[in-house]
Amino acid sequence: IIELIDIQKPSSPTNYEDVYIITQLMEADLHQLIYSRQKLEGDHYQYF
């Protein structure tokens, strides 16, 4: 499971919209793999 490294603190405690979560870099991008034309095999499912 990726590790949560930090959460960027907002510059103002009352006036912010975005949240930035800083984590370890994952070796694979599941979203990109799902939308690629590559056929997923049993090894892919086992890995994820």
All heavy atoms as atom14 arrays in JSON, in Angstrom:
{
  "sequence": "IIELIDIQKPSSPTNYEDVYIITQLMEADLHQLIYSRQKLEGDHYQYF",
  "atom14_mask": [
    [1, 1, 1, 1, 1, 1, 1, 1, 0, 0, 0, 0, 0, 0],
    [1, 1, 1, 1, 1, 1, 1, 1, 0, 0, 0, 0, 0, 0],
    [1, 1, 1, 1, 1, 1, 1, 1, 1, 0, 0, 0, 0, 0],
    [1, 1, 1, 1, 1, 1, 1, 1, 0, 0, 0, 0, 0, 0],
    [1, 1, 1, 1, 1, 1, 1, 1, 0, 0, 0, 0, 0, 0],
    [1, 1, 1, 1, 1, 1, 1, 1, 0, 0, 0, 0, 0, 0],
    [1, 1, 1, 1, 1, 1, 1, 1, 0, 0, 0, 0, 0, 0],
    [1, 1, 1, 1, 1, 1, 1, 1, 1, 0, 0, 0, 0, 0],
    [1, 1, 1, 1, 1, 1, 1, 1, 1, 0, 0, 0, 0, 0],
    [1, 1, 1, 1, 1, 1, 1, 0, 0, 0, 0, 0, 0, 0],
    [1, 1, 1, 1, 1, 1, 0, 0, 0, 0, 0, 0, 0, 0],
    [1, 1, 1, 1, 1, 1, 0, 0, 0, 0, 0, 0, 0, 0],
    [1, 1, 1, 1, 1, 1, 1, 0, 0, 0, 0, 0, 0, 0],
    [1, 1, 1, 1, 1, 1, 1, 0, 0, 0, 0, 0, 0, 0],
    [1, 1, 1, 1, 1, 1, 1, 1, 0, 0, 0, 0, 0, 0],
    [1, 1, 1, 1, 1, 1, 1, 1, 1, 1, 1, 1, 0, 0],
    [1, 1, 1, 1, 1, 1, 1, 1, 1, 0, 0, 0, 0, 0],
    [1, 1, 1, 1, 1, 1, 1, 1, 0, 0, 0, 0, 0, 0],
    [1, 1, 1, 1, 1, 1, 1, 0, 0, 0, 0, 0, 0, 0],
    [1, 1, 1, 1, 1, 1, 1, 1, 1, 1, 1, 1, 0, 0],
    [1, 1, 1, 1, 1, 1, 1, 1, 0, 0, 0, 0, 0, 0],
    [1, 1, 1, 1, 1, 1, 1, 1, 0, 0, 0, 0, 0, 0],
    [1, 1, 1, 1, 1, 1, 1, 0, 0, 0, 0, 0, 0, 0],
    [1, 1, 1, 1, 1, 1, 1, 1, 1, 0, 0, 0, 0, 0],
    [1, 1, 1, 1, 1, 1, 1, 1, 0, 0, 0, 0, 0, 0],
    [1, 1, 1, 1, 1, 1, 1, 1, 0, 0, 0, 0, 0, 0],
    [1, 1, 1, 1, 1, 1, 1, 1, 1, 0, 0, 0, 0, 0],
    [1, 1, 1, 1, 1, 0, 0, 0, 0, 0, 0, 0, 0, 0],
    [1, 1, 1, 1, 1, 1, 1, 1, 0, 0, 0, 0, 0, 0],
    [1, 1, 1, 1, 1, 1, 1, 1, 0, 0, 0, 0, 0, 0],
    [1, 1, 1, 1, 1, 1, 1, 1, 1, 1, 0, 0, 0, 0],
    [1, 1, 1, 1, 1, 1, 1, 1, 1, 0, 0, 0, 0, 0],
    [1, 1, 1, 1, 1, 1, 1, 1, 0, 0, 0, 0, 0, 0],
    [1, 1, 1, 1, 1, 1, 1, 1, 0, 0, 0, 0, 0, 0],
    [1, 1, 1, 1, 1, 1, 1, 1, 1, 1, 1, 1, 0, 0],
    [1, 1, 1, 1, 1, 1, 0, 0, 0, 0, 0, 0, 0, 0],
    [1, 1, 1, 1, 1, 1, 1, 1, 1, 1, 1, 0, 0, 0],
    [1, 1, 1, 1, 1, 1, 1, 1, 1, 0, 0, 0, 0, 0],
    [1, 1, 1, 1, 1, 1, 1, 1, 1, 0, 0, 0, 0, 0],
    [1, 1, 1, 1, 1, 1, 1, 1, 0, 0, 0, 0, 0, 0],
    [1, 1, 1, 1, 1, 1, 1, 1, 1, 0, 0, 0, 0, 0],
    [1, 1, 1, 1, 0, 0, 0, 0, 0, 0, 0, 0, 0, 0],
    [1, 1, 1, 1, 1, 1, 1, 1, 0, 0, 0, 0, 0, 0],
    [1, 1, 1, 1, 1, 1, 1, 1, 1, 1, 0, 0, 0, 0],
    [1, 1, 1, 1, 1, 1, 1, 1, 1, 1, 1, 1, 0, 0],
    [1, 1, 1, 1, 1, 1, 1, 1, 1, 0, 0, 0, 0, 0],
    [1, 1, 1, 1, 1, 1, 1, 1, 1, 1, 1, 1, 0, 0],
    [1, 1, 1, 1, 1, 1, 1, 1, 1, 1, 1, 0, 0, 0]
  ],
  "atom14_positions": [
    [[0.87, -1.19, 0.0], [0.0, 0.0, 0.0], [0.9, 1.23, 0.0], [1.85, 1.32, 0.8], [-0.93, 0.01, 1.23], [-1.82, -1.23, 1.2], [-1.77, 1.29, 1.27], [-2.68, -1.42, 2.42], [0.0, 0.0, 0.0], [0.0, 0.0, 0.0], [0.0, 0.0, 0.0], [0.0, 0.0, 0.0], [0.0, 0.0, 0.0], [0.0, 0.0, 0.0]],
    [[0.62, 2.17, -0.89], [1.47, 3.37, -0.96], [1.42, 4.11, 0.37], [0.43, 4.1, 1.08], [1.06, 4.31, -2.11], [-0.38, 4.76, -1.99], [1.35, 3.69, -3.45], [-0.77, 5.82, -2.98], [0.0, 0.0, 0.0], [0.0, 0.0, 0.0], [0.0, 0.0, 0.0], [0.0, 0.0, 0.0], [0.0, 0.0, 0.0], [0.0, 0.0, 0.0]],
    [[2.54, 4.73, 0.69], [2.68, 5.43, 1.97], [2.3, 6.91, 1.8], [2.71, 7.57, 0.85], [4.13, 5.33, 2.44], [4.41, 6.09, 3.71], [5.88, 6.09, 4.07], [6.66, 5.35, 3.44], [6.25, 6.86, 4.97], [0.0, 0.0, 0.0], [0.0, 0.0, 0.0], [0.0, 0.0, 0.0], [0.0, 0.0, 0.0], [0.0, 0.0, 0.0]],
    [[1.51, 7.39, 2.74], [1.19, 8.82, 2.78], [2.4, 9.54, 3.36], [2.78, 9.3, 4.51], [-0.05, 9.07, 3.65], [-0.41, 10.53, 3.87], [-0.84, 11.18, 2.57], [-1.52, 10.66, 4.89], [0.0, 0.0, 0.0], [0.0, 0.0, 0.0], [0.0, 0.0, 0.0], [0.0, 0.0, 0.0], [0.0, 0.0, 0.0], [0.0, 0.0, 0.0]],
    [[3.01, 10.4, 2.58], [4.2, 11.12, 3.03], [3.8, 12.42, 3.71], [4.29, 12.74, 4.77], [5.16, 11.37, 1.85], [5.66, 10.02, 1.32], [6.31, 12.25, 2.26], [6.45, 10.1, 0.06], [0.0, 0.0, 0.0], [0.0, 0.0, 0.0], [0.0, 0.0, 0.0], [0.0, 0.0, 0.0], [0.0, 0.0, 0.0], [0.0, 0.0, 0.0]],
    [[2.89, 13.16, 3.07], [2.51, 14.46, 3.63], [1.23, 14.94, 2.97], [0.8, 14.42, 1.95], [3.63, 15.48, 3.36], [3.55, 16.7, 4.25], [2.71, 16.73, 5.18], [4.33, 17.64, 4.02], [0.0, 0.0, 0.0], [0.0, 0.0, 0.0], [0.0, 0.0, 0.0], [0.0, 0.0, 0.0], [0.0, 0.0, 0.0], [0.0, 0.0, 0.0]],
    [[0.64, 15.93, 3.58], [-0.49, 16.66, 3.01], [-0.07, 18.12, 3.01], [0.32, 18.66, 4.05], [-1.77, 16.47, 3.82], [-2.14, 14.99, 3.87], [-2.91, 17.29, 3.25], [-3.23, 14.66, 4.83], [0.0, 0.0, 0.0], [0.0, 0.0, 0.0], [0.0, 0.0, 0.0], [0.0, 0.0, 0.0], [0.0, 0.0, 0.0], [0.0, 0.0, 0.0]],
    [[-0.13, 18.76, 1.85], [0.28, 20.16, 1.76], [-0.67, 21.03, 2.56], [-1.87, 21.01, 2.34], [0.3, 20.6, 0.29], [0.74, 22.01, 0.07], [2.19, 22.23, 0.44], [3.03, 21.41, 0.12], [2.48, 23.33, 1.09], [0.0, 0.0, 0.0], [0.0, 0.0, 0.0], [0.0, 0.0, 0.0], [0.0, 0.0, 0.0], [0.0, 0.0, 0.0]],
    [[-0.12, 21.78, 3.48], [-0.95, 22.69, 4.27], [-1.37, 23.89, 3.43], [-0.57, 24.43, 2.67], [-0.19, 23.14, 5.51], [0.09, 22.01, 6.47], [0.78, 22.5, 7.71], [0.92, 21.39, 8.7], [2.04, 20.53, 8.49], [0.0, 0.0, 0.0], [0.0, 0.0, 0.0], [0.0, 0.0, 0.0], [0.0, 0.0, 0.0], [0.0, 0.0, 0.0]],
    [[-2.61, 24.33, 3.57], [-3.07, 25.49, 2.79], [-2.42, 26.77, 3.3], [-2.04, 26.88, 4.47], [-4.58, 25.5, 3.03], [-4.78, 24.78, 4.3], [-3.68, 23.77, 4.4], [0.0, 0.0, 0.0], [0.0, 0.0, 0.0], [0.0, 0.0, 0.0], [0.0, 0.0, 0.0], [0.0, 0.0, 0.0], [0.0, 0.0, 0.0], [0.0, 0.0, 0.0]],
    [[-2.31, 27.74, 2.42], [-1.72, 29.03, 2.81], [-2.65, 29.82, 3.72], [-2.21, 30.63, 4.53], [-1.38, 29.85, 1.57], [-2.55, 30.02, 0.78], [0.0, 0.0, 0.0], [0.0, 0.0, 0.0], [0.0, 0.0, 0.0], [0.0, 0.0, 0.0], [0.0, 0.0, 0.0], [0.0, 0.0, 0.0], [0.0, 0.0, 0.0], [0.0, 0.0, 0.0]],
    [[-3.94, 29.58, 3.61], [-4.93, 30.25, 4.45], [-5.87, 29.2, 5.04], [-6.37, 28.35, 4.31], [-5.73, 31.24, 3.61], [-6.86, 31.68, 4.32], [0.0, 0.0, 0.0], [0.0, 0.0, 0.0], [0.0, 0.0, 0.0], [0.0, 0.0, 0.0], [0.0, 0.0, 0.0], [0.0, 0.0, 0.0], [0.0, 0.0, 0.0], [0.0, 0.0, 0.0]],
    [[-6.14, 29.23, 6.33], [-6.99, 28.21, 6.94], [-8.47, 28.32, 6.56], [-9.23, 27.39, 6.79], [-6.8, 28.42, 8.44], [-6.32, 29.82, 8.58], [-5.59, 30.16, 7.32], [0.0, 0.0, 0.0], [0.0, 0.0, 0.0], [0.0, 0.0, 0.0], [0.0, 0.0, 0.0], [0.0, 0.0, 0.0], [0.0, 0.0, 0.0], [0.0, 0.0, 0.0]],
    [[-8.87, 29.42, 5.97], [-10.29, 29.6, 5.65], [-10.6, 29.74, 4.16], [-11.74, 29.61, 3.77], [-10.85, 30.84, 6.37], [-10.09, 31.98, 5.97], [-10.8, 30.67, 7.88], [0.0, 0.0, 0.0], [0.0, 0.0, 0.0], [0.0, 0.0, 0.0], [0.0, 0.0, 0.0], [0.0, 0.0, 0.0], [0.0, 0.0, 0.0], [0.0, 0.0, 0.0]],
    [[-9.58, 30.0, 3.37], [-9.84, 30.29, 1.96], [-8.99, 29.4, 1.05], [-8.0, 29.83, 0.49], [-9.55, 31.77, 1.67], [-10.01, 32.16, 0.29], [-10.81, 31.47, -0.32], [-9.49, 33.26, -0.21], [0.0, 0.0, 0.0], [0.0, 0.0, 0.0], [0.0, 0.0, 0.0], [0.0, 0.0, 0.0], [0.0, 0.0, 0.0], [0.0, 0.0, 0.0]],
    [[-9.39, 28.13, 0.94], [-8.69, 27.23, 0.02], [-9.69, 26.21, -0.52], [-10.69, 25.92, 0.1], [-7.49, 26.55, 0.67], [-7.83, 25.6, 1.79], [-7.9, 24.24, 1.57], [-8.06, 26.07, 3.08], [-8.2, 23.37, 2.59], [-8.36, 25.21, 4.11], [-8.42, 23.85, 3.86], [-8.72, 23.0, 4.88], [0.0, 0.0, 0.0], [0.0, 0.0, 0.0]],
    [[-9.38, 25.67, -1.7], [-10.29, 24.74, -2.36], [-9.65, 23.38, -2.62], [-10.3, 22.36, -2.53], [-10.73, 25.3, -3.71], [-11.54, 26.57, -3.62], [-11.91, 27.09, -5.0], [-11.3, 26.63, -5.99], [-12.8, 27.93, -5.08], [0.0, 0.0, 0.0], [0.0, 0.0, 0.0], [0.0, 0.0, 0.0], [0.0, 0.0, 0.0], [0.0, 0.0, 0.0]],
    [[-8.37, 23.38, -2.95], [-7.71, 22.16, -3.38], [-6.95, 21.49, -2.23], [-6.45, 22.17, -1.33], [-6.72, 22.46, -4.5], [-7.41, 23.08, -5.71], [-8.64, 22.95, -5.82], [-6.72, 23.7, -6.52], [0.0, 0.0, 0.0], [0.0, 0.0, 0.0], [0.0, 0.0, 0.0], [0.0, 0.0, 0.0], [0.0, 0.0, 0.0], [0.0, 0.0, 0.0]],
    [[-6.87, 20.17, -2.29], [-6.1, 19.39, -1.34], [-5.01, 18.69, -2.12], [-5.25, 18.15, -3.21], [-6.99, 18.36, -0.62], [-6.17, 17.43, 0.24], [-8.05, 19.05, 0.21], [0.0, 0.0, 0.0], [0.0, 0.0, 0.0], [0.0, 0.0, 0.0], [0.0, 0.0, 0.0], [0.0, 0.0, 0.0], [0.0, 0.0, 0.0], [0.0, 0.0, 0.0]],
    [[-3.79, 18.69, -1.59], [-2.66, 18.03, -2.22], [-2.17, 16.94, -1.29], [-1.74, 17.21, -0.18], [-1.54, 19.03, -2.51], [-1.92, 20.06, -3.54], [-2.52, 21.26, -3.16], [-1.68, 19.84, -4.88], [-2.88, 22.21, -4.1], [-2.02, 20.79, -5.83], [-2.62, 21.97, -5.43], [-2.97, 22.9, -6.37], [0.0, 0.0, 0.0], [0.0, 0.0, 0.0]],
    [[-2.25, 15.68, -1.77], [-1.81, 14.53, -1.0], [-0.51, 14.04, -1.63], [-0.45, 13.75, -2.82], [-2.87, 13.41, -1.03], [-4.18, 13.91, -0.42], [-2.37, 12.17, -0.29], [-5.33, 12.92, -0.55], [0.0, 0.0, 0.0], [0.0, 0.0, 0.0], [0.0, 0.0, 0.0], [0.0, 0.0, 0.0], [0.0, 0.0, 0.0], [0.0, 0.0, 0.0]],
    [[0.54, 13.93, -0.81], [1.85, 13.51, -1.29], [2.09, 12.07, -0.83], [2.04, 11.78, 0.35], [2.94, 14.46, -0.77], [2.61, 15.89, -1.2], [4.32, 14.03, -1.27], [3.35, 16.96, -0.47], [0.0, 0.0, 0.0], [0.0, 0.0, 0.0], [0.0, 0.0, 0.0], [0.0, 0.0, 0.0], [0.0, 0.0, 0.0], [0.0, 0.0, 0.0]],
    [[2.31, 11.19, -1.81], [2.5, 9.77, -1.52], [3.74, 9.25, -2.25], [4.35, 9.95, -3.05], [1.29, 8.93, -2.0], [1.17, 9.05, -3.41], [0.01, 9.37, -1.31], [0.0, 0.0, 0.0], [0.0, 0.0, 0.0], [0.0, 0.0, 0.0], [0.0, 0.0, 0.0], [0.0, 0.0, 0.0], [0.0, 0.0, 0.0], [0.0, 0.0, 0.0]],
    [[4.04, 7.99, -1.96], [5.08, 7.31, -2.72], [4.62, 7.19, -4.17], [3.42, 7.18, -4.44], [5.3, 5.9, -2.19], [5.93, 5.82, -0.84], [5.98, 4.38, -0.37], [5.01, 3.66, -0.45], [7.14, 3.98, 0.12], [0.0, 0.0, 0.0], [0.0, 0.0, 0.0], [0.0, 0.0, 0.0], [0.0, 0.0, 0.0], [0.0, 0.0, 0.0]],
    [[5.58, 7.07, -5.07], [5.27, 6.88, -6.48], [4.96, 5.41, -6.72], [5.71, 4.53, -6.33], [6.44, 7.32, -7.35], [6.22, 7.3, -8.85], [5.08, 8.23, -9.23], [7.49, 7.68, -9.57], [0.0, 0.0, 0.0], [0.0, 0.0, 0.0], [0.0, 0.0, 0.0], [0.0, 0.0, 0.0], [0.0, 0.0, 0.0], [0.0, 0.0, 0.0]],
    [[3.84, 5.15, -7.36], [3.43, 3.78, -7.67], [4.1, 3.34, -8.96], [4.29, 4.14, -9.87], [1.91, 3.74, -7.83], [1.36, 2.43, -8.19], [0.53, 1.76, -6.8], [-0.2, 0.35, -7.57], [0.0, 0.0, 0.0], [0.0, 0.0, 0.0], [0.0, 0.0, 0.0], [0.0, 0.0, 0.0], [0.0, 0.0, 0.0], [0.0, 0.0, 0.0]],
    [[4.44, 2.06, -9.05], [5.14, 1.55, -10.23], [4.26, 1.47, -11.46], [4.74, 1.48, -12.57], [5.7, 0.15, -9.94], [6.8, 0.16, -8.92], [7.32, -1.24, -8.65], [7.15, -2.13, -9.49], [7.9, -1.42, -7.58], [0.0, 0.0, 0.0], [0.0, 0.0, 0.0], [0.0, 0.0, 0.0], [0.0, 0.0, 0.0], [0.0, 0.0, 0.0]],
    [[2.94, 1.4, -11.28], [2.03, 1.24, -12.41], [0.87, 2.21, -12.27], [0.54, 2.64, -11.18], [1.51, -0.19, -12.47], [0.0, 0.0, 0.0], [0.0, 0.0, 0.0], [0.0, 0.0, 0.0], [0.0, 0.0, 0.0], [0.0, 0.0, 0.0], [0.0, 0.0, 0.0], [0.0, 0.0, 0.0], [0.0, 0.0, 0.0], [0.0, 0.0, 0.0]],
    [[0.27, 2.53, -13.4], [-0.89, 3.41, -13.42], [-2.09, 2.58, -13.88], [-2.23, 2.3, -15.07], [-0.63, 4.58, -14.36], [-1.76, 5.58, -14.38], [-2.86, 5.27, -13.86], [-1.57, 6.67, -14.92], [0.0, 0.0, 0.0], [0.0, 0.0, 0.0], [0.0, 0.0, 0.0], [0.0, 0.0, 0.0], [0.0, 0.0, 0.0], [0.0, 0.0, 0.0]],
    [[-2.93, 2.16, -12.96], [-4.05, 1.29, -13.28], [-5.03, 1.97, -14.23], [-5.53, 1.35, -15.16], [-4.77, 0.86, -12.0], [-5.92, -0.12, -12.15], [-5.46, -1.4, -12.84], [-6.51, -0.44, -10.79], [0.0, 0.0, 0.0], [0.0, 0.0, 0.0], [0.0, 0.0, 0.0], [0.0, 0.0, 0.0], [0.0, 0.0, 0.0], [0.0, 0.0, 0.0]],
    [[-5.27, 3.25, -14.05], [-6.19, 3.98, -14.92], [-5.71, 3.94, -16.38], [-6.47, 3.65, -17.3], [-6.32, 5.43, -14.45], [-7.26, 6.25, -15.28], [-6.82, 7.02, -16.33], [-8.6, 6.4, -15.22], [-7.86, 7.62, -16.89], [-8.94, 7.26, -16.23], [0.0, 0.0, 0.0], [0.0, 0.0, 0.0], [0.0, 0.0, 0.0], [0.0, 0.0, 0.0]],
    [[-4.42, 4.2, -16.56], [-3.86, 4.19, -17.92], [-3.92, 2.79, -18.52], [-4.24, 2.62, -19.7], [-2.43, 4.69, -17.87], [-1.79, 4.86, -19.22], [-0.39, 5.41, -19.1], [0.29, 5.24, -18.1], [0.06, 6.08, -20.14], [0.0, 0.0, 0.0], [0.0, 0.0, 0.0], [0.0, 0.0, 0.0], [0.0, 0.0, 0.0], [0.0, 0.0, 0.0]],
    [[-3.64, 1.78, -17.72], [-3.68, 0.41, -18.21], [-5.09, -0.01, -18.61], [-5.3, -0.64, -19.64], [-3.13, -0.55, -17.15], [-3.04, -2.01, -17.56], [-2.1, -2.19, -18.75], [-2.59, -2.85, -16.39], [0.0, 0.0, 0.0], [0.0, 0.0, 0.0], [0.0, 0.0, 0.0], [0.0, 0.0, 0.0], [0.0, 0.0, 0.0], [0.0, 0.0, 0.0]],
    [[-6.08, 0.36, -17.82], [-7.46, 0.0, -18.11], [-7.91, 0.61, -19.44], [-8.59, -0.03, -20.24], [-8.4, 0.42, -16.97], [-8.16, -0.48, -15.75], [-9.86, 0.38, -17.39], [-8.87, -0.03, -14.49], [0.0, 0.0, 0.0], [0.0, 0.0, 0.0], [0.0, 0.0, 0.0], [0.0, 0.0, 0.0], [0.0, 0.0, 0.0], [0.0, 0.0, 0.0]],
    [[-7.54, 1.86, -19.7], [-7.98, 2.54, -20.92], [-7.07, 2.32, -22.12], [-7.35, 2.8, -23.2], [-8.17, 4.03, -20.66], [-9.43, 4.28, -19.86], [-9.37, 4.49, -18.49], [-10.67, 4.26, -20.46], [-10.53, 4.68, -17.75], [-11.83, 4.45, -19.73], [-11.75, 4.67, -18.38], [-12.9, 4.86, -17.65], [0.0, 0.0, 0.0], [0.0, 0.0, 0.0]],
    [[-6.0, 1.55, -21.93], [-5.15, 1.24, -23.07], [-5.79, 0.11, -23.87], [-6.74, -0.53, -23.43], [-3.75, 0.81, -22.6], [-3.81, -0.48, -22.03], [0.0, 0.0, 0.0], [0.0, 0.0, 0.0], [0.0, 0.0, 0.0], [0.0, 0.0, 0.0], [0.0, 0.0, 0.0], [0.0, 0.0, 0.0], [0.0, 0.0, 0.0], [0.0, 0.0, 0.0]],
    [[-5.28, -0.15, -25.02], [-5.84, -1.21, -25.86], [-5.19, -2.57, -25.54], [-5.48, -3.57, -26.17], [-5.66, -0.88, -27.33], [-6.44, 0.37, -27.7], [-6.62, 0.45, -29.2], [-7.39, 1.62, -29.54], [-8.69, 1.59, -29.77], [-9.34, 0.47, -29.68], [-9.34, 2.69, -30.09], [0.0, 0.0, 0.0], [0.0, 0.0, 0.0], [0.0, 0.0, 0.0]],
    [[-4.31, -2.57, -24.54], [-3.63, -3.81, -24.16], [-4.62, -4.76, -23.5], [-5.4, -4.37, -22.63], [-2.5, -3.5, -23.2], [-1.76, -4.71, -22.73], [-0.62, -4.36, -21.79], [-0.29, -3.2, -21.62], [-0.02, -5.37, -21.2], [0.0, 0.0, 0.0], [0.0, 0.0, 0.0], [0.0, 0.0, 0.0], [0.0, 0.0, 0.0], [0.0, 0.0, 0.0]],
    [[-4.59, -6.01, -23.92], [-5.47, -7.01, -23.33], [-4.91, -7.41, -21.97], [-3.72, -7.71, -21.84], [-5.58, -8.23, -24.23], [-6.53, -9.27, -23.71], [-6.68, -10.43, -24.65], [-7.65, -11.4, -24.01], [-7.63, -12.7, -24.61], [0.0, 0.0, 0.0], [0.0, 0.0, 0.0], [0.0, 0.0, 0.0], [0.0, 0.0, 0.0], [0.0, 0.0, 0.0]],
    [[-5.76, -7.39, -20.95], [-5.32, -7.78, -19.62], [-5.36, -9.29, -19.49], [-6.35, -9.94, -19.82], [-6.21, -7.14, -18.55], [-6.21, -5.62, -18.5], [-7.14, -5.13, -17.41], [-4.82, -5.08, -18.26], [0.0, 0.0, 0.0], [0.0, 0.0, 0.0], [0.0, 0.0, 0.0], [0.0, 0.0, 0.0], [0.0, 0.0, 0.0], [0.0, 0.0, 0.0]],
    [[-4.29, -9.85, -19.01], [-4.16, -11.29, -18.82], [-4.27, -11.61, -17.33], [-4.3, -10.72, -16.49], [-2.8, -11.77, -19.35], [-2.55, -11.44, -20.81], [-3.42, -12.24, -21.77], [-3.89, -13.32, -21.39], [-3.64, -11.76, -22.9], [0.0, 0.0, 0.0], [0.0, 0.0, 0.0], [0.0, 0.0, 0.0], [0.0, 0.0, 0.0], [0.0, 0.0, 0.0]],
    [[-4.3, -12.88, -17.02], [-4.39, -13.31, -15.62], [-3.26, -12.78, -14.76], [-3.45, -12.44, -13.59], [0.0, 0.0, 0.0], [0.0, 0.0, 0.0], [0.0, 0.0, 0.0], [0.0, 0.0, 0.0], [0.0, 0.0, 0.0], [0.0, 0.0, 0.0], [0.0, 0.0, 0.0], [0.0, 0.0, 0.0], [0.0, 0.0, 0.0], [0.0, 0.0, 0.0]],
    [[-2.04, -12.66, -15.35], [-0.9, -12.11, -14.6], [-1.15, -10.67, -14.17], [-0.73, -10.25, -13.09], [0.37, -12.19, -15.43], [0.85, -13.61, -15.63], [0.43, -14.5, -14.86], [1.65, -13.83, -16.56], [0.0, 0.0, 0.0], [0.0, 0.0, 0.0], [0.0, 0.0, 0.0], [0.0, 0.0, 0.0], [0.0, 0.0, 0.0], [0.0, 0.0, 0.0]],
    [[-1.8, -9.89, -15.04], [-2.12, -8.51, -14.69], [-3.04, -8.46, -13.48], [-2.81, -7.72, -12.53], [-2.81, -7.79, -15.87], [-1.9, -7.51, -17.01], [-1.99, -8.22, -18.18], [-0.91, -6.61, -17.17], [-1.07, -7.76, -19.02], [-0.41, -6.79, -18.43], [0.0, 0.0, 0.0], [0.0, 0.0, 0.0], [0.0, 0.0, 0.0], [0.0, 0.0, 0.0]],
    [[-4.11, -9.26, -13.52], [-5.06, -9.27, -12.41], [-4.39, -9.7, -11.11], [-4.61, -9.1, -10.05], [-6.24, -10.2, -12.71], [-7.05, -9.77, -13.92], [-7.17, -10.59, -15.02], [-7.68, -8.53, -13.94], [-7.92, -10.2, -16.13], [-8.42, -8.13, -15.04], [-8.53, -8.97, -16.14], [-9.24, -8.56, -17.22], [0.0, 0.0, 0.0], [0.0, 0.0, 0.0]],
    [[-3.53, -10.72, -11.2], [-2.83, -11.17, -10.0], [-1.93, -10.08, -9.44], [-1.88, -9.86, -8.24], [-1.99, -12.41, -10.32], [-2.81, -13.67, -10.5], [-1.94, -14.86, -10.83], [-0.79, -14.71, -11.25], [-2.5, -16.05, -10.67], [0.0, 0.0, 0.0], [0.0, 0.0, 0.0], [0.0, 0.0, 0.0], [0.0, 0.0, 0.0], [0.0, 0.0, 0.0]],
    [[-1.22, -9.38, -10.33], [-0.31, -8.31, -9.89], [-1.07, -7.2, -9.16], [-0.68, -6.78, -8.08], [0.45, -7.73, -11.09], [1.32, -6.57, -10.72], [2.54, -6.75, -10.12], [0.91, -5.26, -10.99], [3.35, -5.68, -9.77], [1.7, -4.18, -10.65], [2.92, -4.4, -10.04], [3.69, -3.33, -9.69], [0.0, 0.0, 0.0], [0.0, 0.0, 0.0]],
    [[-2.17, -6.75, -9.74], [-2.92, -5.65, -9.12], [-3.64, -6.08, -7.86], [-3.78, -5.31, -6.92], [-3.88, -5.01, -10.13], [-3.17, -4.2, -11.16], [-3.18, -4.56, -12.49], [-2.44, -3.07, -10.81], [-2.52, -3.82, -13.44], [-1.76, -2.33, -11.74], [-1.79, -2.7, -13.06], [0.0, 0.0, 0.0], [0.0, 0.0, 0.0], [0.0, 0.0, 0.0]]
  ]
}
